[in-house]
N, C-alpha and C. Protein backbone atom coordinates (compact mmCIF):
# COMPACT_ATOMS: atom_id res chain seq x y z
N MET A 1 5.57 -5.54 -10.89
CA MET A 1 4.60 -5.15 -11.90
C MET A 1 4.84 -3.68 -12.25
N LYS A 2 5.04 -3.41 -13.52
CA LYS A 2 5.22 -2.05 -14.00
C LYS A 2 3.85 -1.43 -14.27
N LEU A 3 3.70 -0.18 -13.91
CA LEU A 3 2.45 0.54 -14.13
C LEU A 3 2.66 1.65 -15.15
N THR A 4 1.69 1.83 -16.02
CA THR A 4 1.74 2.93 -16.96
C THR A 4 1.36 4.22 -16.21
N PRO A 5 1.69 5.37 -16.76
CA PRO A 5 1.29 6.62 -16.09
C PRO A 5 -0.23 6.73 -15.89
N GLU A 6 -1.01 6.20 -16.83
CA GLU A 6 -2.47 6.24 -16.69
C GLU A 6 -2.93 5.36 -15.54
N GLN A 7 -2.32 4.19 -15.40
CA GLN A 7 -2.67 3.30 -14.30
C GLN A 7 -2.30 3.92 -12.96
N LYS A 8 -1.11 4.52 -12.89
CA LYS A 8 -0.69 5.17 -11.65
C LYS A 8 -1.67 6.28 -11.26
N LYS A 9 -2.09 7.06 -12.24
CA LYS A 9 -3.04 8.13 -11.96
C LYS A 9 -4.35 7.57 -11.43
N PHE A 10 -4.83 6.50 -12.04
CA PHE A 10 -6.08 5.85 -11.61
C PHE A 10 -5.95 5.36 -10.17
N TYR A 11 -4.85 4.68 -9.86
CA TYR A 11 -4.66 4.13 -8.52
C TYR A 11 -4.42 5.23 -7.48
N ARG A 12 -3.74 6.31 -7.87
CA ARG A 12 -3.55 7.44 -6.95
C ARG A 12 -4.89 8.08 -6.62
N THR A 13 -5.78 8.16 -7.62
CA THR A 13 -7.11 8.73 -7.40
C THR A 13 -7.86 7.94 -6.35
N ILE A 14 -7.83 6.62 -6.46
CA ILE A 14 -8.49 5.76 -5.47
C ILE A 14 -7.79 5.90 -4.12
N GLY A 15 -6.47 5.84 -4.13
CA GLY A 15 -5.69 5.89 -2.89
C GLY A 15 -5.84 7.18 -2.12
N HIS A 16 -6.10 8.26 -2.82
CA HIS A 16 -6.26 9.56 -2.16
C HIS A 16 -7.40 9.52 -1.14
N GLU A 17 -8.45 8.78 -1.44
CA GLU A 17 -9.62 8.72 -0.56
C GLU A 17 -9.46 7.74 0.60
N LEU A 18 -8.42 6.90 0.56
CA LEU A 18 -8.26 5.87 1.58
C LEU A 18 -7.62 6.41 2.84
N ASN A 19 -7.95 5.77 3.96
CA ASN A 19 -7.26 6.03 5.22
C ASN A 19 -6.15 4.99 5.37
N PRO A 20 -5.07 5.35 6.07
CA PRO A 20 -4.00 4.37 6.25
C PRO A 20 -4.48 3.14 7.02
N ILE A 21 -4.15 1.97 6.50
CA ILE A 21 -4.52 0.71 7.15
C ILE A 21 -3.40 0.25 8.07
N VAL A 22 -2.18 0.50 7.67
CA VAL A 22 -1.01 0.08 8.44
C VAL A 22 -0.20 1.32 8.79
N THR A 23 0.26 1.38 10.05
CA THR A 23 1.12 2.47 10.49
C THR A 23 2.43 1.90 11.00
N ILE A 24 3.53 2.39 10.47
CA ILE A 24 4.85 1.97 10.91
C ILE A 24 5.44 3.13 11.71
N ALA A 25 5.77 2.86 12.98
CA ALA A 25 6.25 3.93 13.85
C ALA A 25 7.57 3.55 14.50
N GLY A 26 7.71 3.84 15.77
CA GLY A 26 8.95 3.73 16.52
C GLY A 26 9.73 2.44 16.40
N LYS A 27 9.06 1.30 16.38
CA LYS A 27 9.77 0.02 16.31
C LYS A 27 10.23 -0.31 14.90
N GLY A 28 9.81 0.46 13.93
CA GLY A 28 10.22 0.23 12.55
C GLY A 28 9.50 -0.96 11.93
N LEU A 29 10.15 -1.59 11.00
CA LEU A 29 9.57 -2.69 10.25
C LEU A 29 9.74 -4.00 11.03
N THR A 30 8.63 -4.55 11.49
CA THR A 30 8.66 -5.80 12.25
C THR A 30 7.94 -6.89 11.48
N GLU A 31 8.01 -8.10 12.00
CA GLU A 31 7.33 -9.23 11.37
C GLU A 31 5.81 -9.01 11.39
N ASN A 32 5.30 -8.43 12.47
CA ASN A 32 3.86 -8.17 12.56
C ASN A 32 3.40 -7.16 11.51
N ILE A 33 4.21 -6.16 11.24
CA ILE A 33 3.88 -5.17 10.21
C ILE A 33 3.81 -5.85 8.85
N THR A 34 4.79 -6.70 8.57
CA THR A 34 4.82 -7.41 7.29
C THR A 34 3.59 -8.31 7.14
N THR A 35 3.26 -9.04 8.20
CA THR A 35 2.09 -9.92 8.18
C THR A 35 0.80 -9.14 7.98
N GLU A 36 0.65 -8.05 8.69
CA GLU A 36 -0.57 -7.23 8.58
C GLU A 36 -0.68 -6.59 7.19
N THR A 37 0.44 -6.13 6.65
CA THR A 37 0.43 -5.54 5.31
C THR A 37 0.06 -6.59 4.27
N ASP A 38 0.59 -7.79 4.40
CA ASP A 38 0.28 -8.88 3.49
C ASP A 38 -1.22 -9.21 3.54
N ARG A 39 -1.77 -9.28 4.75
CA ARG A 39 -3.20 -9.57 4.91
C ARG A 39 -4.06 -8.45 4.30
N ALA A 40 -3.67 -7.22 4.57
CA ALA A 40 -4.43 -6.08 4.06
C ALA A 40 -4.41 -6.03 2.53
N LEU A 41 -3.26 -6.33 1.94
CA LEU A 41 -3.18 -6.34 0.47
C LEU A 41 -4.02 -7.45 -0.13
N GLU A 42 -4.05 -8.60 0.52
CA GLU A 42 -4.86 -9.71 0.02
C GLU A 42 -6.34 -9.37 0.06
N GLN A 43 -6.77 -8.64 1.07
CA GLN A 43 -8.17 -8.28 1.20
C GLN A 43 -8.55 -7.05 0.38
N HIS A 44 -7.72 -6.02 0.43
CA HIS A 44 -8.10 -4.73 -0.15
C HIS A 44 -7.43 -4.41 -1.48
N GLU A 45 -6.37 -5.09 -1.83
CA GLU A 45 -5.60 -4.92 -3.07
C GLU A 45 -4.84 -3.60 -3.16
N LEU A 46 -5.46 -2.51 -2.80
CA LEU A 46 -4.82 -1.19 -2.83
C LEU A 46 -4.93 -0.60 -1.44
N ILE A 47 -3.79 -0.32 -0.80
CA ILE A 47 -3.82 0.18 0.57
C ILE A 47 -2.90 1.38 0.73
N LYS A 48 -3.21 2.16 1.76
CA LYS A 48 -2.37 3.30 2.13
C LYS A 48 -1.67 2.95 3.44
N ILE A 49 -0.37 3.27 3.50
CA ILE A 49 0.44 2.98 4.67
C ILE A 49 1.07 4.27 5.15
N LYS A 50 1.07 4.47 6.47
CA LYS A 50 1.71 5.63 7.07
C LYS A 50 3.03 5.19 7.69
N VAL A 51 4.11 5.88 7.33
CA VAL A 51 5.45 5.54 7.83
C VAL A 51 5.98 6.74 8.61
N SER A 52 5.90 6.66 9.94
CA SER A 52 6.35 7.75 10.81
C SER A 52 7.66 7.37 11.48
N VAL A 53 8.69 7.25 10.66
CA VAL A 53 9.99 6.81 11.16
C VAL A 53 11.08 7.72 10.59
N GLY A 54 11.86 8.30 11.47
CA GLY A 54 13.08 9.01 11.09
C GLY A 54 12.97 9.97 9.92
N ASP A 55 14.05 10.01 9.16
CA ASP A 55 14.15 10.94 8.04
C ASP A 55 13.71 10.28 6.74
N ARG A 56 13.83 11.02 5.66
CA ARG A 56 13.38 10.55 4.34
C ARG A 56 14.07 9.26 3.92
N GLU A 57 15.36 9.19 4.12
CA GLU A 57 16.11 8.00 3.72
C GLU A 57 15.63 6.75 4.47
N ALA A 58 15.37 6.89 5.75
CA ALA A 58 14.87 5.76 6.55
C ALA A 58 13.49 5.33 6.07
N ARG A 59 12.62 6.31 5.78
CA ARG A 59 11.28 5.99 5.27
C ARG A 59 11.37 5.29 3.91
N ASP A 60 12.21 5.81 3.02
CA ASP A 60 12.38 5.18 1.70
C ASP A 60 12.85 3.74 1.82
N LYS A 61 13.80 3.51 2.71
CA LYS A 61 14.34 2.16 2.89
C LYS A 61 13.26 1.22 3.41
N ILE A 62 12.47 1.68 4.39
CA ILE A 62 11.40 0.85 4.94
C ILE A 62 10.35 0.55 3.89
N VAL A 63 9.96 1.54 3.12
CA VAL A 63 8.94 1.34 2.08
C VAL A 63 9.45 0.36 1.03
N ASP A 64 10.68 0.52 0.58
CA ASP A 64 11.24 -0.40 -0.42
C ASP A 64 11.35 -1.83 0.11
N THR A 65 11.80 -1.96 1.35
CA THR A 65 11.93 -3.29 1.95
C THR A 65 10.57 -3.95 2.10
N LEU A 66 9.59 -3.21 2.58
CA LEU A 66 8.25 -3.76 2.77
C LEU A 66 7.63 -4.16 1.43
N CYS A 67 7.83 -3.34 0.41
CA CYS A 67 7.33 -3.66 -0.94
C CYS A 67 7.87 -5.00 -1.41
N SER A 68 9.15 -5.21 -1.25
CA SER A 68 9.75 -6.46 -1.71
C SER A 68 9.31 -7.64 -0.84
N GLN A 69 9.14 -7.43 0.45
CA GLN A 69 8.73 -8.53 1.33
C GLN A 69 7.33 -9.02 1.05
N VAL A 70 6.41 -8.11 0.70
CA VAL A 70 5.01 -8.50 0.46
C VAL A 70 4.70 -8.61 -1.02
N ASN A 71 5.72 -8.45 -1.86
CA ASN A 71 5.56 -8.55 -3.32
C ASN A 71 4.50 -7.58 -3.85
N ALA A 72 4.61 -6.33 -3.44
CA ALA A 72 3.65 -5.30 -3.86
C ALA A 72 4.34 -4.29 -4.77
N THR A 73 3.53 -3.49 -5.42
CA THR A 73 4.02 -2.42 -6.27
C THR A 73 3.76 -1.09 -5.57
N LEU A 74 4.77 -0.25 -5.50
CA LEU A 74 4.61 1.08 -4.92
C LEU A 74 3.97 1.98 -5.97
N VAL A 75 2.79 2.49 -5.68
CA VAL A 75 2.09 3.37 -6.61
C VAL A 75 2.57 4.80 -6.40
N GLN A 76 2.68 5.20 -5.12
CA GLN A 76 3.08 6.58 -4.83
C GLN A 76 3.59 6.66 -3.39
N ARG A 77 4.54 7.56 -3.18
CA ARG A 77 4.98 7.88 -1.82
C ARG A 77 5.16 9.37 -1.73
N ILE A 78 4.42 9.97 -0.82
CA ILE A 78 4.52 11.40 -0.57
C ILE A 78 4.65 11.58 0.94
N GLY A 79 5.75 12.16 1.38
CA GLY A 79 5.96 12.38 2.80
C GLY A 79 5.91 11.07 3.58
N ASN A 80 4.99 11.00 4.55
CA ASN A 80 4.86 9.81 5.39
C ASN A 80 3.91 8.77 4.83
N MET A 81 3.28 9.03 3.71
CA MET A 81 2.27 8.13 3.16
C MET A 81 2.78 7.40 1.93
N ALA A 82 2.39 6.14 1.83
CA ALA A 82 2.72 5.33 0.66
C ALA A 82 1.48 4.54 0.26
N ILE A 83 1.31 4.35 -1.04
CA ILE A 83 0.19 3.56 -1.56
C ILE A 83 0.77 2.32 -2.23
N PHE A 84 0.32 1.15 -1.76
CA PHE A 84 0.78 -0.14 -2.27
C PHE A 84 -0.33 -0.81 -3.05
N LEU A 85 0.07 -1.55 -4.07
CA LEU A 85 -0.88 -2.30 -4.90
C LEU A 85 -0.39 -3.73 -5.06
N ARG A 86 -1.30 -4.67 -4.87
CA ARG A 86 -1.04 -6.06 -5.19
C ARG A 86 -2.39 -6.70 -5.50
N ARG A 87 -2.54 -7.17 -6.72
CA ARG A 87 -3.79 -7.79 -7.14
C ARG A 87 -4.02 -9.09 -6.39
N ALA A 88 -5.25 -9.32 -5.95
CA ALA A 88 -5.62 -10.57 -5.27
C ALA A 88 -5.99 -11.61 -6.32
N LYS A 89 -5.76 -12.87 -5.99
CA LYS A 89 -6.12 -13.95 -6.90
C LYS A 89 -7.64 -14.05 -7.05
N GLN A 90 -8.34 -13.89 -5.92
CA GLN A 90 -9.80 -13.88 -5.93
C GLN A 90 -10.28 -12.70 -5.09
N PRO A 91 -10.45 -11.53 -5.71
CA PRO A 91 -10.83 -10.34 -4.95
C PRO A 91 -12.22 -10.48 -4.33
N ASN A 92 -12.33 -10.02 -3.10
CA ASN A 92 -13.61 -9.98 -2.40
C ASN A 92 -14.29 -8.66 -2.74
N PRO A 93 -15.44 -8.70 -3.41
CA PRO A 93 -16.08 -7.45 -3.84
C PRO A 93 -16.47 -6.53 -2.68
N LYS A 94 -16.63 -7.08 -1.49
CA LYS A 94 -17.01 -6.26 -0.34
C LYS A 94 -15.81 -5.56 0.29
N LEU A 95 -14.61 -6.08 0.07
CA LEU A 95 -13.42 -5.52 0.70
C LEU A 95 -12.46 -4.85 -0.27
N SER A 96 -12.40 -5.30 -1.50
CA SER A 96 -11.43 -4.79 -2.47
C SER A 96 -11.72 -3.33 -2.81
N ASN A 97 -10.73 -2.47 -2.61
CA ASN A 97 -10.88 -1.06 -2.97
C ASN A 97 -11.00 -0.88 -4.48
N LEU A 98 -10.38 -1.75 -5.25
CA LEU A 98 -10.45 -1.63 -6.71
C LEU A 98 -11.83 -2.01 -7.24
N VAL A 99 -12.39 -3.11 -6.74
CA VAL A 99 -13.71 -3.56 -7.19
C VAL A 99 -14.78 -2.56 -6.75
N ARG A 100 -14.69 -2.11 -5.49
CA ARG A 100 -15.69 -1.16 -4.99
C ARG A 100 -15.64 0.14 -5.77
N TYR A 101 -14.46 0.61 -6.13
CA TYR A 101 -14.34 1.87 -6.86
C TYR A 101 -14.96 1.76 -8.25
N LYS A 102 -14.75 0.61 -8.91
CA LYS A 102 -15.31 0.41 -10.24
C LYS A 102 -16.83 0.35 -10.21
N ASN A 103 -17.39 -0.10 -9.08
CA ASN A 103 -18.84 -0.25 -8.97
C ASN A 103 -19.55 1.04 -8.58
N LEU A 104 -18.81 2.10 -8.25
CA LEU A 104 -19.44 3.37 -7.88
C LEU A 104 -19.97 4.10 -9.08
């Protein structure tokens, strides 16, 4: 999914307030990380992920691989943090960061 600059700005604004839901560390990208990221995206739609692995190239590779595995869109990556977006088929208003933000 391609995002316009306005959409990216909107999603970055929401993502700035979020705490990381998934943390990728020493073991790198595992099946459990992929499963947890998929579950988190289905529930929250917009999530922040912390990637504490190696150098910049290793982090970029992990973020790109994870994006493709969970079919998400990378909104932003700064340092160790990445913001992923994937719209849910039926968003839960109590869990979705996008629905909750619109209702504020």
